[in-house]
Structure formats: C-alpha cells, structure tokens
Amino acid sequence: MAKTPRNTIPTSTTRPSGATTTLRPVGAQTPATTKTTKQPTREQIAQRAHELWVKNGCKHGQDEQNWLEAERQLKAEMSR
C-alpha cells in the first residue's frame, strides 16, 4: 500500500478493480459539507426590481439596472 502524505486524508480507498485513492488536505471540506449560497428566485428579483422601478418614479428604460440592483440587494441580504 502506498504511503499517505502528511496533512492529507484519503477520501476513497483503492480497490482491486483499479480505482484510485483521492487525497484532500486535512480540514478541507468535502463537497457534501461545503456551504451553499442561497440564490434569490426569479420571482423575488422581479418583485424587488418592480419595487425599485416604482420607487424611482416609474422611469422607462431602467429595467436592466433595476433588475441587477434588485439581484445585488437580495444576494447581499441572503448572505447575512
């Protein structure tokens, strides 16, 4: 059996079928334990963009800016 380098732990084992051992640094998160960032839904962004549109005087031609600002605001709120 191959020697495991320091500061790594095996995440899988070598099998007779020839599967390889994958190593990851000690303390590194596995994909199952990584933090998932919640994303706003399309409906939430649309509602916030509409609120921004109304707040800014219902100016036409600002739809993209309102959408991007709404998305930015919601992501910031959800990351707290």
Protein backbone atom coordinates (compact mmCIF):
# COMPACT_ATOMS: atom_id res chain seq x y z
CA MET A 1 0.00 0.00 0.00
CA ALA A 2 1.26 3.48 -0.89
CA LYS A 3 2.32 5.82 1.86
CA THR A 4 -0.16 8.67 2.54
CA PRO A 5 1.47 12.11 2.54
CA ARG A 6 1.24 14.13 5.75
CA ASN A 7 -1.64 16.58 6.12
CA THR A 8 -3.88 14.63 3.77
CA ILE A 9 -6.53 12.04 4.38
CA PRO A 10 -7.91 9.52 1.92
CA THR A 11 -11.41 10.24 0.68
CA SER A 12 -11.72 6.92 -1.09
CA THR A 13 -9.94 3.60 -0.98
CA THR A 14 -8.04 1.67 -3.62
CA ARG A 15 -9.98 -1.31 -4.83
CA PRO A 16 -8.82 -4.40 -6.69
CA SER A 17 -10.71 -3.05 -9.71
CA GLY A 18 -8.05 -0.35 -10.02
CA ALA A 19 -9.92 2.61 -8.52
CA THR A 20 -7.54 5.30 -7.37
CA THR A 21 -7.30 6.95 -3.96
CA THR A 22 -8.19 10.62 -3.87
CA LEU A 23 -6.48 12.77 -1.24
CA ARG A 24 -7.61 16.07 0.21
CA PRO A 25 -5.93 18.38 2.73
CA VAL A 26 -6.79 17.80 6.37
CA GLY A 27 -9.56 20.16 7.37
CA ALA A 28 -10.76 20.69 3.81
CA GLN A 29 -14.48 20.44 3.41
CA THR A 30 -15.93 17.64 1.35
CA PRO A 31 -18.48 18.57 -1.32
CA ALA A 32 -21.30 17.37 0.94
CA THR A 33 -20.26 19.78 3.71
CA THR A 34 -19.45 22.88 1.67
CA LYS A 35 -21.57 25.93 2.38
CA THR A 36 -24.18 26.50 -0.27
CA THR A 37 -25.04 30.08 -1.04
CA LYS A 38 -28.75 30.65 -1.34
CA GLN A 39 -29.74 32.40 -4.53
CA PRO A 40 -32.80 34.64 -4.91
CA THR A 41 -35.55 33.26 -7.12
CA ARG A 42 -36.53 34.89 -10.37
CA GLU A 43 -39.84 35.93 -8.78
CA GLN A 44 -38.07 37.59 -5.83
CA ILE A 45 -35.80 39.54 -8.18
CA ALA A 46 -38.75 40.60 -10.34
CA GLN A 47 -40.70 41.81 -7.32
CA ARG A 48 -37.75 43.79 -5.95
CA ALA A 49 -36.98 45.23 -9.41
CA HIS A 50 -40.60 46.38 -9.67
CA GLU A 51 -40.36 48.00 -6.23
CA LEU A 52 -37.20 49.82 -7.34
CA TRP A 53 -38.89 50.92 -10.57
CA VAL A 54 -41.84 52.40 -8.65
CA LYS A 55 -39.54 53.98 -6.03
CA ASN A 56 -37.52 55.67 -8.80
CA GLY A 57 -40.58 57.24 -10.45
CA CYS A 58 -41.53 54.52 -12.96
CA LYS A 59 -38.88 55.67 -15.43
CA HIS A 60 -38.81 53.62 -18.61
CA GLY A 61 -35.53 52.24 -19.93
CA GLN A 62 -34.19 51.37 -16.47
CA ASP A 63 -35.33 47.75 -16.41
CA GLU A 64 -31.87 46.19 -16.65
CA GLN A 65 -30.41 48.48 -13.98
CA ASN A 66 -33.37 47.79 -11.68
CA TRP A 67 -33.03 44.03 -12.22
CA LEU A 68 -29.30 44.00 -11.49
CA GLU A 69 -29.72 46.20 -8.42
CA ALA A 70 -32.56 44.01 -7.12
CA GLU A 71 -30.44 40.89 -7.62
CA ARG A 72 -27.47 42.51 -5.84
CA GLN A 73 -29.60 43.60 -2.89
CA LEU A 74 -31.26 40.20 -2.45
CA LYS A 75 -27.96 38.31 -2.65
CA ALA A 76 -26.47 40.62 -0.02
CA GLU A 77 -29.47 40.10 2.26
CA MET A 78 -29.34 36.32 1.86
CA SER A 79 -25.61 36.09 2.57
CA ARG A 80 -26.02 37.66 6.03
